[in-house]
């Protein structure tokens, strides 16, 4: 997890449908969650995001990518980091109804830093 006085770096493993919606937003925001997705869970480190993109997204859809983005520290400080497995398996759980607030606190653009294909 990288932080400075103003922002936190978040990573998001994603598949083709979600990243297409991000692209449609001009790489400015994440799309609303689907009804069966009660949380938005960006992860705290690049290695974990790469693991998810390769091991889950690629088998599920043939494509996975890792996006990196900055969010204001003052906003992210309301969420505790959740450990969901081994030491590097950490993520934030942002309730779906707060995703638009997260989007409003993104600094800069969402950037795709890794892509994987079958």
N, C-alpha and C. Protein backbone atom coordinates (compact mmCIF):
# COMPACT_ATOMS: atom_id res chain seq x y z
N UNK A 1 0.86 -1.18 0.00
CA UNK A 1 0.00 0.00 0.00
C UNK A 1 0.90 1.23 0.00
N UNK A 2 0.68 2.10 -0.95
CA UNK A 2 1.45 3.33 -1.06
C UNK A 2 0.56 4.49 -0.67
N UNK A 3 1.07 5.31 0.23
CA UNK A 3 0.32 6.50 0.61
C UNK A 3 1.27 7.70 0.63
N UNK A 4 0.72 8.85 0.49
CA UNK A 4 1.45 10.07 0.78
C UNK A 4 0.51 10.91 1.64
N UNK A 5 0.84 12.16 1.86
CA UNK A 5 0.00 12.98 2.73
C UNK A 5 -1.40 13.20 2.17
N UNK A 6 -1.55 13.03 0.86
CA UNK A 6 -2.82 13.39 0.24
C UNK A 6 -3.58 12.24 -0.39
N UNK A 7 -2.88 11.22 -0.93
CA UNK A 7 -3.57 10.15 -1.65
C UNK A 7 -3.09 8.77 -1.21
N UNK A 8 -3.91 7.79 -1.54
CA UNK A 8 -3.60 6.37 -1.36
C UNK A 8 -3.66 5.74 -2.75
N UNK A 9 -2.72 4.87 -3.05
CA UNK A 9 -2.74 4.14 -4.31
C UNK A 9 -3.56 2.87 -4.13
N UNK A 10 -4.55 2.68 -4.98
CA UNK A 10 -5.40 1.49 -4.96
C UNK A 10 -5.20 0.74 -6.28
N UNK A 11 -5.42 -0.56 -6.22
CA UNK A 11 -5.32 -1.41 -7.40
C UNK A 11 -6.64 -2.16 -7.55
N UNK A 12 -7.04 -2.39 -8.80
CA UNK A 12 -8.30 -3.09 -9.04
C UNK A 12 -8.10 -4.11 -10.15
N UNK A 13 -8.17 -5.41 -9.82
CA UNK A 13 -8.18 -6.42 -10.87
C UNK A 13 -9.57 -6.44 -11.50
N UNK A 14 -9.64 -6.50 -12.80
CA UNK A 14 -10.95 -6.42 -13.45
C UNK A 14 -10.97 -7.17 -14.76
N UNK A 15 -12.16 -7.41 -15.23
CA UNK A 15 -12.36 -8.11 -16.49
C UNK A 15 -12.77 -7.15 -17.59
N UNK A 16 -13.11 -7.69 -18.76
CA UNK A 16 -13.36 -6.85 -19.93
C UNK A 16 -14.58 -5.95 -19.82
N UNK A 17 -15.66 -6.40 -19.20
CA UNK A 17 -16.86 -5.58 -19.13
C UNK A 17 -16.66 -4.35 -18.25
N UNK A 18 -16.08 -4.58 -17.07
CA UNK A 18 -15.89 -3.46 -16.15
C UNK A 18 -14.90 -2.44 -16.71
N UNK A 19 -13.78 -2.91 -17.26
CA UNK A 19 -12.79 -1.96 -17.76
C UNK A 19 -13.32 -1.20 -18.98
N UNK A 20 -14.23 -1.81 -19.76
CA UNK A 20 -14.85 -1.09 -20.87
C UNK A 20 -15.69 0.07 -20.36
N UNK A 21 -16.39 -0.13 -19.25
CA UNK A 21 -17.18 0.96 -18.66
C UNK A 21 -16.28 2.05 -18.09
N UNK A 22 -15.15 1.66 -17.52
CA UNK A 22 -14.17 2.65 -17.04
C UNK A 22 -13.65 3.46 -18.23
N UNK A 23 -13.33 2.78 -19.32
CA UNK A 23 -12.85 3.46 -20.53
C UNK A 23 -13.91 4.45 -21.02
N UNK A 24 -15.19 4.01 -21.01
CA UNK A 24 -16.28 4.89 -21.45
C UNK A 24 -16.40 6.15 -20.59
N UNK A 25 -15.94 6.07 -19.35
CA UNK A 25 -16.00 7.24 -18.46
C UNK A 25 -14.80 8.17 -18.67
N UNK A 26 -13.94 7.83 -19.61
CA UNK A 26 -12.72 8.61 -19.80
C UNK A 26 -11.68 8.28 -18.73
N UNK A 27 -11.77 7.06 -18.18
CA UNK A 27 -10.87 6.59 -17.11
C UNK A 27 -10.97 7.48 -15.87
N UNK A 28 -12.19 7.93 -15.59
CA UNK A 28 -12.43 8.82 -14.46
C UNK A 28 -13.17 8.17 -13.30
N UNK A 29 -13.94 7.09 -13.58
CA UNK A 29 -14.74 6.52 -12.50
C UNK A 29 -15.05 5.05 -12.73
N UNK A 30 -15.41 4.41 -11.63
CA UNK A 30 -15.82 3.01 -11.64
C UNK A 30 -17.32 2.94 -11.83
N UNK A 31 -17.80 1.94 -12.56
CA UNK A 31 -19.25 1.83 -12.78
C UNK A 31 -19.97 1.37 -11.53
N UNK A 32 -21.28 1.65 -11.46
CA UNK A 32 -22.05 1.19 -10.31
C UNK A 32 -21.96 -0.34 -10.18
N UNK A 33 -22.09 -0.81 -8.97
CA UNK A 33 -22.09 -2.25 -8.71
C UNK A 33 -23.39 -2.85 -9.23
N UNK A 34 -23.33 -4.12 -9.58
CA UNK A 34 -24.52 -4.87 -9.96
C UNK A 34 -25.27 -5.26 -8.69
N UNK A 35 -26.54 -5.63 -8.80
CA UNK A 35 -27.31 -5.96 -7.59
C UNK A 35 -26.67 -7.03 -6.71
N UNK A 36 -25.94 -7.97 -7.31
CA UNK A 36 -25.30 -9.03 -6.52
C UNK A 36 -23.89 -8.66 -6.05
N UNK A 37 -23.53 -7.39 -6.17
CA UNK A 37 -22.20 -6.92 -5.76
C UNK A 37 -22.36 -5.84 -4.68
N UNK A 38 -22.45 -6.24 -3.42
CA UNK A 38 -22.70 -5.26 -2.35
C UNK A 38 -21.49 -4.41 -1.98
N UNK A 39 -20.30 -4.81 -2.42
CA UNK A 39 -19.11 -4.01 -2.11
C UNK A 39 -18.24 -3.86 -3.35
N UNK A 40 -17.47 -2.79 -3.34
CA UNK A 40 -16.41 -2.55 -4.31
C UNK A 40 -15.12 -2.79 -3.55
N UNK A 41 -14.28 -3.69 -4.03
CA UNK A 41 -13.11 -4.02 -3.26
C UNK A 41 -11.81 -3.81 -4.04
N UNK A 42 -11.29 -2.59 -4.02
CA UNK A 42 -9.94 -2.38 -4.54
C UNK A 42 -8.95 -3.02 -3.58
N UNK A 43 -7.82 -3.45 -4.11
CA UNK A 43 -6.83 -4.11 -3.27
C UNK A 43 -5.67 -3.16 -2.97
N UNK A 44 -4.88 -3.54 -1.98
CA UNK A 44 -3.84 -2.64 -1.47
C UNK A 44 -2.50 -2.76 -2.18
N UNK A 45 -2.32 -3.83 -2.98
CA UNK A 45 -1.00 -4.00 -3.58
C UNK A 45 -1.09 -4.61 -4.98
N UNK A 46 -0.12 -4.27 -5.78
CA UNK A 46 -0.09 -4.68 -7.18
C UNK A 46 0.02 -6.19 -7.34
N UNK A 47 0.83 -6.85 -6.52
CA UNK A 47 1.02 -8.30 -6.64
C UNK A 47 -0.29 -9.06 -6.46
N UNK A 48 -1.07 -8.67 -5.47
CA UNK A 48 -2.36 -9.32 -5.23
C UNK A 48 -3.31 -9.07 -6.40
N UNK A 49 -3.33 -7.85 -6.92
CA UNK A 49 -4.19 -7.53 -8.06
C UNK A 49 -3.80 -8.35 -9.29
N UNK A 50 -2.50 -8.51 -9.52
CA UNK A 50 -2.03 -9.34 -10.65
C UNK A 50 -2.49 -10.79 -10.46
N UNK A 51 -2.36 -11.31 -9.25
CA UNK A 51 -2.78 -12.68 -8.97
C UNK A 51 -4.26 -12.88 -9.30
N UNK A 52 -5.11 -11.97 -8.85
CA UNK A 52 -6.55 -12.08 -9.11
C UNK A 52 -6.83 -11.99 -10.61
N UNK A 53 -6.21 -11.02 -11.28
CA UNK A 53 -6.46 -10.83 -12.72
C UNK A 53 -6.08 -12.09 -13.50
N UNK A 54 -4.93 -12.68 -13.18
CA UNK A 54 -4.48 -13.88 -13.88
C UNK A 54 -5.29 -15.12 -13.52
N UNK A 55 -5.54 -15.31 -12.23
CA UNK A 55 -6.14 -16.56 -11.76
C UNK A 55 -7.67 -16.57 -11.79
N UNK A 56 -8.31 -15.42 -11.78
CA UNK A 56 -9.77 -15.37 -11.77
C UNK A 56 -10.33 -14.77 -13.05
N UNK A 57 -9.86 -13.57 -13.39
CA UNK A 57 -10.45 -12.87 -14.53
C UNK A 57 -10.15 -13.57 -15.86
N UNK A 58 -8.91 -13.97 -16.08
CA UNK A 58 -8.56 -14.62 -17.35
C UNK A 58 -9.33 -15.93 -17.54
N UNK A 59 -9.35 -16.84 -16.55
CA UNK A 59 -10.14 -18.06 -16.75
C UNK A 59 -11.64 -17.78 -16.95
N UNK A 60 -12.16 -16.76 -16.30
CA UNK A 60 -13.60 -16.46 -16.38
C UNK A 60 -13.99 -15.84 -17.72
N UNK A 61 -13.11 -15.01 -18.30
CA UNK A 61 -13.52 -14.25 -19.48
C UNK A 61 -12.48 -14.23 -20.60
N UNK A 62 -11.30 -14.77 -20.35
CA UNK A 62 -10.25 -14.71 -21.36
C UNK A 62 -9.39 -13.45 -21.27
N UNK A 63 -9.76 -12.54 -20.39
CA UNK A 63 -9.03 -11.28 -20.25
C UNK A 63 -9.10 -10.80 -18.81
N UNK A 64 -7.98 -10.30 -18.33
CA UNK A 64 -7.93 -9.66 -17.02
C UNK A 64 -6.92 -8.53 -17.07
N UNK A 65 -7.17 -7.51 -16.29
CA UNK A 65 -6.21 -6.41 -16.22
C UNK A 65 -6.14 -5.89 -14.80
N UNK A 66 -5.11 -5.11 -14.56
CA UNK A 66 -4.94 -4.44 -13.27
C UNK A 66 -4.97 -2.95 -13.53
N UNK A 67 -5.84 -2.27 -12.81
CA UNK A 67 -5.91 -0.81 -12.88
C UNK A 67 -5.34 -0.23 -11.60
N UNK A 68 -4.68 0.90 -11.75
CA UNK A 68 -4.12 1.61 -10.60
C UNK A 68 -4.74 3.00 -10.59
N UNK A 69 -5.07 3.47 -9.37
CA UNK A 69 -5.65 4.80 -9.26
C UNK A 69 -5.37 5.36 -7.87
N UNK A 70 -5.47 6.68 -7.77
CA UNK A 70 -5.21 7.40 -6.53
C UNK A 70 -6.52 7.93 -5.97
N UNK A 71 -6.69 7.78 -4.66
CA UNK A 71 -7.87 8.29 -3.98
C UNK A 71 -7.41 9.14 -2.80
N UNK A 72 -8.12 10.20 -2.54
CA UNK A 72 -7.76 11.07 -1.41
C UNK A 72 -7.69 10.26 -0.12
N UNK A 73 -6.59 10.44 0.59
CA UNK A 73 -6.38 9.76 1.88
C UNK A 73 -7.51 10.08 2.85
N UNK A 74 -7.98 11.31 2.85
CA UNK A 74 -9.03 11.70 3.79
C UNK A 74 -10.30 10.89 3.57
N UNK A 75 -10.57 10.47 2.34
CA UNK A 75 -11.74 9.64 2.07
C UNK A 75 -11.46 8.19 2.47
N UNK A 76 -10.33 7.64 2.06
CA UNK A 76 -10.04 6.22 2.31
C UNK A 76 -9.83 5.92 3.79
N UNK A 77 -9.51 6.93 4.58
CA UNK A 77 -9.25 6.69 6.01
C UNK A 77 -10.49 6.20 6.76
N UNK A 78 -11.65 6.31 6.16
CA UNK A 78 -12.87 5.81 6.82
C UNK A 78 -13.02 4.29 6.72
N UNK A 79 -12.18 3.65 5.89
CA UNK A 79 -12.29 2.20 5.67
C UNK A 79 -11.08 1.48 6.26
N UNK A 80 -11.35 0.38 6.93
CA UNK A 80 -10.27 -0.46 7.45
C UNK A 80 -9.82 -1.41 6.34
N UNK A 81 -8.54 -1.68 6.31
CA UNK A 81 -8.02 -2.67 5.38
C UNK A 81 -8.40 -4.06 5.90
N UNK A 82 -8.93 -4.89 5.01
CA UNK A 82 -9.37 -6.24 5.35
C UNK A 82 -8.35 -7.25 4.86
N UNK A 83 -7.95 -8.17 5.71
CA UNK A 83 -7.06 -9.26 5.28
C UNK A 83 -7.95 -10.44 4.95
N UNK A 84 -7.85 -10.95 3.72
CA UNK A 84 -8.76 -11.98 3.24
C UNK A 84 -8.06 -13.29 2.91
N UNK A 85 -6.82 -13.40 3.27
CA UNK A 85 -6.04 -14.60 2.98
C UNK A 85 -4.64 -14.43 3.53
N UNK A 86 -3.65 -14.76 2.71
CA UNK A 86 -2.26 -14.61 3.11
C UNK A 86 -1.88 -13.16 3.33
N UNK A 87 -0.63 -12.92 3.70
CA UNK A 87 -0.16 -11.60 4.07
C UNK A 87 -0.41 -10.50 3.05
N UNK A 88 -0.29 -10.82 1.77
CA UNK A 88 -0.49 -9.78 0.74
C UNK A 88 -1.94 -9.66 0.30
N UNK A 89 -2.82 -10.51 0.79
CA UNK A 89 -4.22 -10.52 0.36
C UNK A 89 -5.04 -9.54 1.20
N UNK A 90 -4.85 -8.26 0.90
CA UNK A 90 -5.52 -7.20 1.64
C UNK A 90 -6.27 -6.29 0.68
N UNK A 91 -7.41 -5.82 1.14
CA UNK A 91 -8.27 -4.99 0.31
C UNK A 91 -9.14 -4.09 1.17
N UNK A 92 -9.68 -3.08 0.52
CA UNK A 92 -10.67 -2.22 1.18
C UNK A 92 -12.04 -2.70 0.74
N UNK A 93 -13.01 -2.62 1.64
CA UNK A 93 -14.39 -2.95 1.30
C UNK A 93 -15.20 -1.67 1.34
N UNK A 94 -15.53 -1.16 0.17
CA UNK A 94 -16.32 0.06 0.05
C UNK A 94 -17.75 -0.36 -0.29
N UNK A 95 -18.72 -0.04 0.56
CA UNK A 95 -20.10 -0.40 0.26
C UNK A 95 -20.54 0.17 -1.10
N UNK A 96 -21.30 -0.61 -1.83
CA UNK A 96 -21.73 -0.20 -3.18
C UNK A 96 -22.37 1.18 -3.18
N UNK A 97 -23.13 1.48 -2.13
CA UNK A 97 -23.82 2.79 -2.09
C UNK A 97 -22.85 3.95 -1.86
N UNK A 98 -21.59 3.68 -1.57
CA UNK A 98 -20.60 4.74 -1.37
C UNK A 98 -19.61 4.84 -2.54
N UNK A 99 -19.85 4.05 -3.59
CA UNK A 99 -18.92 4.05 -4.73
C UNK A 99 -18.87 5.40 -5.43
N UNK A 100 -19.99 6.07 -5.56
CA UNK A 100 -19.97 7.37 -6.22
C UNK A 100 -19.13 8.37 -5.43
N UNK A 101 -19.18 8.29 -4.10
CA UNK A 101 -18.32 9.14 -3.28
C UNK A 101 -16.85 8.81 -3.51
N UNK A 102 -16.53 7.52 -3.63
CA UNK A 102 -15.15 7.14 -3.94
C UNK A 102 -14.75 7.75 -5.28
N UNK A 103 -15.63 7.61 -6.29
CA UNK A 103 -15.32 8.18 -7.61
C UNK A 103 -15.04 9.68 -7.53
N UNK A 104 -15.77 10.38 -6.70
CA UNK A 104 -15.56 11.82 -6.54
C UNK A 104 -14.23 12.15 -5.88
N UNK A 105 -13.62 11.16 -5.24
CA UNK A 105 -12.35 11.36 -4.54
C UNK A 105 -11.14 10.79 -5.27
N UNK A 106 -11.37 10.31 -6.51
CA UNK A 106 -10.24 9.86 -7.33
C UNK A 106 -9.45 11.08 -7.78
N UNK A 107 -8.15 11.00 -7.64
CA UNK A 107 -7.26 12.08 -8.07
C UNK A 107 -6.56 11.60 -9.35
N UNK A 108 -6.76 12.32 -10.44
CA UNK A 108 -6.17 11.90 -11.71
C UNK A 108 -7.04 10.85 -12.39
N UNK A 109 -6.40 10.03 -13.21
CA UNK A 109 -7.14 9.03 -13.97
C UNK A 109 -6.86 7.62 -13.47
N UNK A 110 -7.76 6.73 -13.80
CA UNK A 110 -7.57 5.30 -13.59
C UNK A 110 -6.70 4.82 -14.74
N UNK A 111 -5.62 4.11 -14.43
CA UNK A 111 -4.75 3.65 -15.51
C UNK A 111 -4.59 2.13 -15.47
N UNK A 112 -4.65 1.52 -16.64
CA UNK A 112 -4.42 0.09 -16.77
C UNK A 112 -2.91 -0.13 -16.81
N UNK A 113 -2.40 -0.92 -15.84
CA UNK A 113 -0.94 -1.11 -15.76
C UNK A 113 -0.50 -2.52 -16.14
N UNK A 114 -1.44 -3.47 -16.21
CA UNK A 114 -1.15 -4.83 -16.66
C UNK A 114 -2.36 -5.37 -17.39
N UNK A 115 -2.12 -6.16 -18.44
CA UNK A 115 -3.18 -6.86 -19.15
C UNK A 115 -2.74 -8.30 -19.36
N UNK A 116 -3.71 -9.22 -19.22
CA UNK A 116 -3.45 -10.65 -19.38
C UNK A 116 -4.53 -11.25 -20.25
N UNK A 117 -4.12 -12.16 -21.12
CA UNK A 117 -5.08 -12.85 -22.00
C UNK A 117 -4.79 -14.34 -21.98
N UNK A 118 -5.81 -15.11 -22.33
CA UNK A 118 -5.66 -16.55 -22.43
C UNK A 118 -4.64 -16.91 -23.47
